Amino acid sequence: ISFVLAWIETWLLDFKVLPQENEDENRYQSIMDATERVPP
């Protein structure tokens, strides 16, 4: 069980956490760029 849980944690971080956060960061950056390009 300890062996399996350690590998599940690795799978969660590498295939879920990091890709999802990179996608959210790109979306957030695109929104910020769009708001900066709009003149006041």
All heavy atoms as atom14 arrays in JSON, in Angstrom:
{
  "sequence": "ISFVLAWIETWLLDFKVLPQENEDENRYQSIMDATERVPP",
  "atom14_mask": [
    [1, 1, 1, 1, 1, 1, 1, 1, 0, 0, 0, 0, 0, 0],
    [1, 1, 1, 1, 1, 1, 0, 0, 0, 0, 0, 0, 0, 0],
    [1, 1, 1, 1, 1, 1, 1, 1, 1, 1, 1, 0, 0, 0],
    [1, 1, 1, 1, 1, 1, 1, 0, 0, 0, 0, 0, 0, 0],
    [1, 1, 1, 1, 1, 1, 1, 1, 0, 0, 0, 0, 0, 0],
    [1, 1, 1, 1, 1, 0, 0, 0, 0, 0, 0, 0, 0, 0],
    [1, 1, 1, 1, 1, 1, 1, 1, 1, 1, 1, 1, 1, 1],
    [1, 1, 1, 1, 1, 1, 1, 1, 0, 0, 0, 0, 0, 0],
    [1, 1, 1, 1, 1, 1, 1, 1, 1, 0, 0, 0, 0, 0],
    [1, 1, 1, 1, 1, 1, 1, 0, 0, 0, 0, 0, 0, 0],
    [1, 1, 1, 1, 1, 1, 1, 1, 1, 1, 1, 1, 1, 1],
    [1, 1, 1, 1, 1, 1, 1, 1, 0, 0, 0, 0, 0, 0],
    [1, 1, 1, 1, 1, 1, 1, 1, 0, 0, 0, 0, 0, 0],
    [1, 1, 1, 1, 1, 1, 1, 1, 0, 0, 0, 0, 0, 0],
    [1, 1, 1, 1, 1, 1, 1, 1, 1, 1, 1, 0, 0, 0],
    [1, 1, 1, 1, 1, 1, 1, 1, 1, 0, 0, 0, 0, 0],
    [1, 1, 1, 1, 1, 1, 1, 0, 0, 0, 0, 0, 0, 0],
    [1, 1, 1, 1, 1, 1, 1, 1, 0, 0, 0, 0, 0, 0],
    [1, 1, 1, 1, 1, 1, 1, 0, 0, 0, 0, 0, 0, 0],
    [1, 1, 1, 1, 1, 1, 1, 1, 1, 0, 0, 0, 0, 0],
    [1, 1, 1, 1, 1, 1, 1, 1, 1, 0, 0, 0, 0, 0],
    [1, 1, 1, 1, 1, 1, 1, 1, 0, 0, 0, 0, 0, 0],
    [1, 1, 1, 1, 1, 1, 1, 1, 1, 0, 0, 0, 0, 0],
    [1, 1, 1, 1, 1, 1, 1, 1, 0, 0, 0, 0, 0, 0],
    [1, 1, 1, 1, 1, 1, 1, 1, 1, 0, 0, 0, 0, 0],
    [1, 1, 1, 1, 1, 1, 1, 1, 0, 0, 0, 0, 0, 0],
    [1, 1, 1, 1, 1, 1, 1, 1, 1, 1, 1, 0, 0, 0],
    [1, 1, 1, 1, 1, 1, 1, 1, 1, 1, 1, 1, 0, 0],
    [1, 1, 1, 1, 1, 1, 1, 1, 1, 0, 0, 0, 0, 0],
    [1, 1, 1, 1, 1, 1, 0, 0, 0, 0, 0, 0, 0, 0],
    [1, 1, 1, 1, 1, 1, 1, 1, 0, 0, 0, 0, 0, 0],
    [1, 1, 1, 1, 1, 1, 1, 1, 0, 0, 0, 0, 0, 0],
    [1, 1, 1, 1, 1, 1, 1, 1, 0, 0, 0, 0, 0, 0],
    [1, 1, 1, 1, 1, 0, 0, 0, 0, 0, 0, 0, 0, 0],
    [1, 1, 1, 1, 1, 1, 1, 0, 0, 0, 0, 0, 0, 0],
    [1, 1, 1, 1, 1, 1, 1, 1, 1, 0, 0, 0, 0, 0],
    [1, 1, 1, 1, 1, 1, 1, 1, 1, 1, 1, 0, 0, 0],
    [1, 1, 1, 1, 1, 1, 1, 0, 0, 0, 0, 0, 0, 0],
    [1, 1, 1, 1, 1, 1, 1, 0, 0, 0, 0, 0, 0, 0],
    [1, 1, 1, 1, 1, 1, 1, 0, 0, 0, 0, 0, 0, 0]
  ],
  "atom14_positions": [
    [[0.83, -1.2, 0.0], [0.0, 0.0, 0.0], [0.87, 1.26, 0.0], [0.58, 2.23, -0.71], [-0.96, -0.01, 1.21], [-2.03, -1.08, 1.0], [-1.6, 1.35, 1.4], [-3.02, -1.19, 2.11], [0.0, 0.0, 0.0], [0.0, 0.0, 0.0], [0.0, 0.0, 0.0], [0.0, 0.0, 0.0], [0.0, 0.0, 0.0], [0.0, 0.0, 0.0]],
    [[1.96, 1.24, 0.76], [2.85, 2.39, 0.77], [3.47, 2.61, -0.61], [3.6, 3.76, -1.07], [3.94, 2.18, 1.82], [4.79, 3.29, 1.9], [0.0, 0.0, 0.0], [0.0, 0.0, 0.0], [0.0, 0.0, 0.0], [0.0, 0.0, 0.0], [0.0, 0.0, 0.0], [0.0, 0.0, 0.0], [0.0, 0.0, 0.0], [0.0, 0.0, 0.0]],
    [[3.83, 1.54, -1.28], [4.41, 1.63, -2.62], [3.4, 2.21, -3.62], [3.71, 3.1, -4.41], [4.86, 0.23, -3.05], [5.6, 0.19, -4.35], [6.97, 0.38, -4.4], [4.93, -0.04, -5.54], [7.65, 0.34, -5.61], [5.6, -0.08, -6.75], [6.96, 0.12, -6.79], [0.0, 0.0, 0.0], [0.0, 0.0, 0.0], [0.0, 0.0, 0.0]],
    [[2.16, 1.71, -3.55], [1.12, 2.17, -4.48], [0.77, 3.64, -4.24], [0.62, 4.43, -5.19], [-0.12, 1.27, -4.35], [-1.3, 1.86, -5.14], [0.18, -0.13, -4.86], [0.0, 0.0, 0.0], [0.0, 0.0, 0.0], [0.0, 0.0, 0.0], [0.0, 0.0, 0.0], [0.0, 0.0, 0.0], [0.0, 0.0, 0.0], [0.0, 0.0, 0.0]],
    [[0.64, 4.04, -2.99], [0.29, 5.44, -2.69], [1.38, 6.4, -3.16], [1.07, 7.51, -3.65], [0.06, 5.6, -1.19], [-1.21, 4.94, -0.62], [-1.27, 5.11, 0.9], [-2.45, 5.54, -1.25], [0.0, 0.0, 0.0], [0.0, 0.0, 0.0], [0.0, 0.0, 0.0], [0.0, 0.0, 0.0], [0.0, 0.0, 0.0], [0.0, 0.0, 0.0]],
    [[2.63, 6.0, -3.03], [3.72, 6.87, -3.49], [3.64, 7.11, -5.0], [3.84, 8.23, -5.48], [5.07, 6.26, -3.12], [0.0, 0.0, 0.0], [0.0, 0.0, 0.0], [0.0, 0.0, 0.0], [0.0, 0.0, 0.0], [0.0, 0.0, 0.0], [0.0, 0.0, 0.0], [0.0, 0.0, 0.0], [0.0, 0.0, 0.0], [0.0, 0.0, 0.0]],
    [[3.3, 6.06, -5.76], [3.21, 6.22, -7.21], [1.93, 6.95, -7.62], [1.91, 7.65, -8.65], [3.29, 4.86, -7.9], [4.71, 4.41, -8.06], [5.38, 3.51, -7.3], [5.64, 4.9, -9.03], [6.67, 3.38, -7.72], [6.86, 4.22, -8.79], [5.57, 5.83, -10.06], [8.0, 4.46, -9.57], [6.71, 6.07, -10.82], [7.9, 5.38, -10.58]],
    [[0.85, 6.81, -6.85], [-0.36, 7.59, -7.16], [-0.09, 9.08, -6.96], [-0.56, 9.93, -7.76], [-1.53, 7.12, -6.28], [-1.97, 5.7, -6.7], [-2.71, 8.07, -6.4], [-3.07, 5.13, -5.84], [0.0, 0.0, 0.0], [0.0, 0.0, 0.0], [0.0, 0.0, 0.0], [0.0, 0.0, 0.0], [0.0, 0.0, 0.0], [0.0, 0.0, 0.0]],
    [[0.65, 9.44, -5.93], [1.01, 10.84, -5.72], [1.84, 11.37, -6.88], [1.63, 12.51, -7.35], [1.79, 10.98, -4.41], [0.94, 10.74, -3.17], [1.78, 10.55, -1.93], [3.02, 10.5, -2.04], [1.19, 10.44, -0.83], [0.0, 0.0, 0.0], [0.0, 0.0, 0.0], [0.0, 0.0, 0.0], [0.0, 0.0, 0.0], [0.0, 0.0, 0.0]],
    [[2.76, 10.56, -7.38], [3.56, 10.97, -8.53], [2.68, 11.18, -9.76], [2.84, 12.16, -10.52], [4.64, 9.92, -8.83], [5.43, 9.71, -7.65], [5.55, 10.37, -9.96], [0.0, 0.0, 0.0], [0.0, 0.0, 0.0], [0.0, 0.0, 0.0], [0.0, 0.0, 0.0], [0.0, 0.0, 0.0], [0.0, 0.0, 0.0], [0.0, 0.0, 0.0]],
    [[1.76, 10.28, -9.99], [0.87, 10.4, -11.14], [0.0, 11.64, -11.03], [-0.19, 12.36, -12.02], [0.0, 9.15, -11.25], [-1.01, 9.23, -12.34], [-0.82, 9.0, -13.67], [-2.4, 9.58, -12.2], [-1.98, 9.18, -14.37], [-2.97, 9.54, -13.49], [-3.19, 9.91, -11.11], [-4.31, 9.82, -13.71], [-4.52, 10.21, -11.33], [-5.07, 10.16, -12.62]],
    [[-0.54, 11.91, -9.84], [-1.39, 13.09, -9.65], [-0.64, 14.38, -9.96], [-1.15, 15.27, -10.66], [-1.92, 13.13, -8.22], [-3.15, 12.29, -7.89], [-3.47, 12.38, -6.4], [-4.34, 12.74, -8.7], [0.0, 0.0, 0.0], [0.0, 0.0, 0.0], [0.0, 0.0, 0.0], [0.0, 0.0, 0.0], [0.0, 0.0, 0.0], [0.0, 0.0, 0.0]],
    [[0.58, 14.48, -9.46], [1.33, 15.72, -9.67], [1.75, 15.89, -11.12], [1.61, 16.97, -11.7], [2.56, 15.74, -8.76], [3.37, 17.04, -8.84], [2.68, 18.14, -8.05], [4.78, 16.84, -8.34], [0.0, 0.0, 0.0], [0.0, 0.0, 0.0], [0.0, 0.0, 0.0], [0.0, 0.0, 0.0], [0.0, 0.0, 0.0], [0.0, 0.0, 0.0]],
    [[2.26, 14.81, -11.72], [2.85, 14.93, -13.05], [1.8, 15.01, -14.16], [2.03, 15.66, -15.19], [3.77, 13.74, -13.3], [4.77, 14.02, -14.41], [5.01, 15.2, -14.7], [5.28, 13.06, -15.0], [0.0, 0.0, 0.0], [0.0, 0.0, 0.0], [0.0, 0.0, 0.0], [0.0, 0.0, 0.0], [0.0, 0.0, 0.0], [0.0, 0.0, 0.0]],
    [[0.65, 14.38, -13.97], [-0.35, 14.33, -15.03], [-1.59, 15.18, -14.76], [-2.41, 15.36, -15.67], [-0.79, 12.89, -15.28], [0.28, 12.04, -15.91], [1.13, 11.29, -15.13], [0.46, 12.02, -17.28], [2.13, 10.51, -15.69], [1.44, 11.24, -17.86], [2.29, 10.49, -17.06], [0.0, 0.0, 0.0], [0.0, 0.0, 0.0], [0.0, 0.0, 0.0]],
    [[-1.74, 15.66, -13.55], [-2.92, 16.46, -13.22], [-2.57, 17.87, -12.74], [-3.06, 18.86, -13.28], [-3.76, 15.75, -12.13], [-4.35, 14.43, -12.57], [-5.39, 14.62, -13.66], [-6.03, 13.31, -14.07], [-7.03, 13.5, -15.14], [0.0, 0.0, 0.0], [0.0, 0.0, 0.0], [0.0, 0.0, 0.0], [0.0, 0.0, 0.0], [0.0, 0.0, 0.0]],
    [[-1.73, 17.96, -11.71], [-1.5, 19.25, -11.06], [-0.71, 20.19, -11.98], [-1.17, 21.3, -12.3], [-0.77, 19.06, -9.72], [-0.46, 20.42, -9.09], [-1.61, 18.23, -8.77], [0.0, 0.0, 0.0], [0.0, 0.0, 0.0], [0.0, 0.0, 0.0], [0.0, 0.0, 0.0], [0.0, 0.0, 0.0], [0.0, 0.0, 0.0], [0.0, 0.0, 0.0]],
    [[0.46, 19.77, -12.4], [1.32, 20.65, -13.19], [0.72, 21.03, -14.54], [0.73, 22.21, -14.92], [2.71, 20.02, -13.35], [3.49, 19.79, -12.05], [4.85, 19.19, -12.34], [3.62, 21.09, -11.26], [0.0, 0.0, 0.0], [0.0, 0.0, 0.0], [0.0, 0.0, 0.0], [0.0, 0.0, 0.0], [0.0, 0.0, 0.0], [0.0, 0.0, 0.0]],
    [[0.16, 20.08, -15.34], [-0.47, 20.5, -16.61], [-1.65, 21.43, -16.43], [-1.83, 22.39, -17.18], [-0.89, 19.16, -17.25], [-0.01, 18.14, -16.64], [0.21, 18.6, -15.24], [0.0, 0.0, 0.0], [0.0, 0.0, 0.0], [0.0, 0.0, 0.0], [0.0, 0.0, 0.0], [0.0, 0.0, 0.0], [0.0, 0.0, 0.0], [0.0, 0.0, 0.0]],
    [[-2.5, 21.16, -15.42], [-3.67, 22.01, -15.19], [-3.25, 23.42, -14.77], [-3.83, 24.41, -15.21], [-4.57, 21.39, -14.13], [-5.84, 22.16, -13.85], [-6.77, 22.17, -15.04], [-6.91, 21.17, -15.72], [-7.4, 23.31, -15.31], [0.0, 0.0, 0.0], [0.0, 0.0, 0.0], [0.0, 0.0, 0.0], [0.0, 0.0, 0.0], [0.0, 0.0, 0.0]],
    [[-2.23, 23.52, -13.92], [-1.77, 24.84, -13.49], [-1.11, 25.6, -14.64], [-1.26, 26.83, -14.73], [-0.81, 24.7, -12.31], [-1.5, 24.31, -11.02], [-0.56, 24.35, -9.84], [0.66, 24.4, -10.03], [-1.07, 24.33, -8.7], [0.0, 0.0, 0.0], [0.0, 0.0, 0.0], [0.0, 0.0, 0.0], [0.0, 0.0, 0.0], [0.0, 0.0, 0.0]],
    [[-0.4, 24.91, -15.51], [0.18, 25.58, -16.68], [-0.92, 26.11, -17.6], [-0.82, 27.22, -18.13], [1.09, 24.62, -17.44], [2.36, 24.32, -16.67], [2.82, 25.12, -15.87], [2.94, 23.15, -16.92], [0.0, 0.0, 0.0], [0.0, 0.0, 0.0], [0.0, 0.0, 0.0], [0.0, 0.0, 0.0], [0.0, 0.0, 0.0], [0.0, 0.0, 0.0]],
    [[-1.97, 25.32, -17.77], [-3.09, 25.77, -18.6], [-3.79, 26.97, -17.97], [-4.13, 27.94, -18.67], [-4.08, 24.62, -18.78], [-5.25, 24.95, -19.68], [-6.21, 23.78, -19.83], [-5.85, 22.66, -19.4], [-7.31, 23.98, -20.38], [0.0, 0.0, 0.0], [0.0, 0.0, 0.0], [0.0, 0.0, 0.0], [0.0, 0.0, 0.0], [0.0, 0.0, 0.0]],
    [[-4.0, 26.94, -16.66], [-4.62, 28.08, -15.97], [-3.73, 29.33, -16.04], [-4.24, 30.44, -16.19], [-4.9, 27.73, -14.51], [-5.96, 26.65, -14.36], [-6.7, 26.43, -15.33], [-6.03, 26.02, -13.29], [0.0, 0.0, 0.0], [0.0, 0.0, 0.0], [0.0, 0.0, 0.0], [0.0, 0.0, 0.0], [0.0, 0.0, 0.0], [0.0, 0.0, 0.0]],
    [[-2.42, 29.14, -15.95], [-1.5, 30.27, -16.03], [-1.53, 30.91, -17.41], [-1.53, 32.15, -17.54], [-0.08, 29.8, -15.7], [0.97, 30.9, -15.75], [0.81, 31.92, -14.65], [0.17, 31.6, -13.61], [1.3, 33.06, -14.83], [0.0, 0.0, 0.0], [0.0, 0.0, 0.0], [0.0, 0.0, 0.0], [0.0, 0.0, 0.0], [0.0, 0.0, 0.0]],
    [[-1.59, 30.09, -18.45], [-1.67, 30.62, -19.81], [-2.97, 31.38, -20.04], [-3.0, 32.44, -20.67], [-1.53, 29.49, -20.83], [-0.15, 28.86, -20.81], [0.83, 29.51, -20.43], [-0.07, 27.59, -21.18], [0.0, 0.0, 0.0], [0.0, 0.0, 0.0], [0.0, 0.0, 0.0], [0.0, 0.0, 0.0], [0.0, 0.0, 0.0], [0.0, 0.0, 0.0]],
    [[-4.08, 30.83, -19.51], [-5.37, 31.52, -19.64], [-5.36, 32.84, -18.89], [-5.85, 33.86, -19.39], [-6.48, 30.61, -19.13], [-7.88, 31.17, -19.36], [-8.96, 30.3, -18.74], [-8.94, 28.95, -19.27], [-8.6, 27.87, -18.57], [-8.23, 28.01, -17.3], [-8.62, 26.68, -19.12], [0.0, 0.0, 0.0], [0.0, 0.0, 0.0], [0.0, 0.0, 0.0]],
    [[-4.81, 32.84, -17.69], [-4.75, 34.07, -16.89], [-3.88, 35.12, -17.58], [-4.24, 36.3, -17.63], [-4.18, 33.74, -15.51], [-3.94, 34.93, -14.63], [-4.99, 35.54, -13.95], [-2.66, 35.44, -14.46], [-4.77, 36.64, -13.14], [-2.44, 36.54, -13.65], [-3.49, 37.13, -12.99], [-3.27, 38.21, -12.19], [0.0, 0.0, 0.0], [0.0, 0.0, 0.0]],
    [[-2.76, 34.69, -18.17], [-1.87, 35.63, -18.84], [-2.52, 36.21, -20.09], [-2.37, 37.4, -20.4], [-0.56, 34.92, -19.22], [0.53, 35.87, -19.69], [0.94, 36.85, -18.6], [1.01, 36.49, -17.44], [1.21, 38.09, -18.99], [0.0, 0.0, 0.0], [0.0, 0.0, 0.0], [0.0, 0.0, 0.0], [0.0, 0.0, 0.0], [0.0, 0.0, 0.0]],
    [[-3.29, 35.38, -20.8], [-3.98, 35.89, -21.99], [-5.04, 36.91, -21.61], [-5.23, 37.92, -22.31], [-4.61, 34.73, -22.75], [-5.6, 34.08, -21.98], [0.0, 0.0, 0.0], [0.0, 0.0, 0.0], [0.0, 0.0, 0.0], [0.0, 0.0, 0.0], [0.0, 0.0, 0.0], [0.0, 0.0, 0.0], [0.0, 0.0, 0.0], [0.0, 0.0, 0.0]],
    [[-5.74, 36.7, -20.5], [-6.74, 37.66, -20.04], [-6.07, 38.97, -19.64], [-6.54, 40.07, -19.97], [-7.55, 37.08, -18.87], [-8.42, 35.92, -19.36], [-8.43, 38.14, -18.24], [-9.15, 35.2, -18.24], [0.0, 0.0, 0.0], [0.0, 0.0, 0.0], [0.0, 0.0, 0.0], [0.0, 0.0, 0.0], [0.0, 0.0, 0.0], [0.0, 0.0, 0.0]],
    [[-4.93, 38.88, -18.93], [-4.22, 40.09, -18.54], [-3.69, 40.86, -19.74], [-3.75, 42.09, -19.79], [-3.06, 39.72, -17.6], [-3.49, 39.21, -16.23], [-4.37, 40.44, -15.24], [-6.06, 39.9, -15.49], [0.0, 0.0, 0.0], [0.0, 0.0, 0.0], [0.0, 0.0, 0.0], [0.0, 0.0, 0.0], [0.0, 0.0, 0.0], [0.0, 0.0, 0.0]],
    [[-3.18, 40.14, -20.75], [-2.71, 40.81, -21.96], [-3.85, 41.5, -22.7], [-3.7, 42.6, -23.23], [-2.02, 39.8, -22.88], [-0.74, 39.25, -22.26], [-0.2, 39.9, -21.35], [-0.29, 38.16, -22.67], [0.0, 0.0, 0.0], [0.0, 0.0, 0.0], [0.0, 0.0, 0.0], [0.0, 0.0, 0.0], [0.0, 0.0, 0.0], [0.0, 0.0, 0.0]],
    [[-5.02, 40.82, -22.72], [-6.17, 41.41, -23.4], [-6.64, 42.68, -22.71], [-6.99, 43.66, -23.36], [-7.31, 40.4, -23.49], [0.0, 0.0, 0.0], [0.0, 0.0, 0.0], [0.0, 0.0, 0.0], [0.0, 0.0, 0.0], [0.0, 0.0, 0.0], [0.0, 0.0, 0.0], [0.0, 0.0, 0.0], [0.0, 0.0, 0.0], [0.0, 0.0, 0.0]],
    [[-6.64, 42.69, -21.38], [-7.07, 43.89, -20.65], [-6.06, 45.02, -20.79], [-6.43, 46.19, -20.77], [-7.27, 43.56, -19.17], [-6.07, 42.96, -18.64], [-8.43, 42.6, -18.98], [0.0, 0.0, 0.0], [0.0, 0.0, 0.0], [0.0, 0.0, 0.0], [0.0, 0.0, 0.0], [0.0, 0.0, 0.0], [0.0, 0.0, 0.0], [0.0, 0.0, 0.0]],
    [[-4.77, 44.68, -20.93], [-3.77, 45.73, -21.1], [-3.84, 46.35, -22.49], [-3.53, 47.52, -22.66], [-2.38, 45.15, -20.86], [-2.1, 44.83, -19.39], [-0.75, 44.19, -19.2], [-0.04, 43.99, -20.23], [-0.38, 43.89, -18.05], [0.0, 0.0, 0.0], [0.0, 0.0, 0.0], [0.0, 0.0, 0.0], [0.0, 0.0, 0.0], [0.0, 0.0, 0.0]],
    [[-4.24, 45.55, -23.49], [-4.33, 46.1, -24.85], [-5.54, 46.98, -25.05], [-5.56, 47.83, -25.93], [-4.36, 44.94, -25.87], [-3.02, 44.25, -26.06], [-3.05, 43.4, -27.31], [-4.03, 42.35, -27.2], [-3.78, 41.12, -26.78], [-2.55, 40.81, -26.39], [-4.73, 40.21, -26.73], [0.0, 0.0, 0.0], [0.0, 0.0, 0.0], [0.0, 0.0, 0.0]],
    [[-6.58, 46.81, -24.24], [-7.79, 47.64, -24.38], [-7.5, 49.04, -23.85], [-7.08, 49.18, -22.7], [-8.97, 47.01, -23.62], [-10.17, 47.93, -23.65], [-9.32, 45.66, -24.22], [0.0, 0.0, 0.0], [0.0, 0.0, 0.0], [0.0, 0.0, 0.0], [0.0, 0.0, 0.0], [0.0, 0.0, 0.0], [0.0, 0.0, 0.0], [0.0, 0.0, 0.0]],
    [[-7.68, 50.12, -24.65], [-7.41, 51.48, -24.16], [-8.42, 51.87, -23.1], [-9.58, 51.44, -23.12], [-7.56, 52.34, -25.42], [-8.48, 51.55, -26.31], [-8.16, 50.1, -26.03], [0.0, 0.0, 0.0], [0.0, 0.0, 0.0], [0.0, 0.0, 0.0], [0.0, 0.0, 0.0], [0.0, 0.0, 0.0], [0.0, 0.0, 0.0], [0.0, 0.0, 0.0]],
    [[-8.02, 52.7, -22.14], [-8.97, 53.16, -21.11], [-10.05, 54.03, -21.72], [-9.81, 54.87, -22.57], [-8.08, 53.97, -20.15], [-6.91, 54.37, -20.98], [-6.68, 53.26, -21.97], [0.0, 0.0, 0.0], [0.0, 0.0, 0.0], [0.0, 0.0, 0.0], [0.0, 0.0, 0.0], [0.0, 0.0, 0.0], [0.0, 0.0, 0.0], [0.0, 0.0, 0.0]]
  ]
}
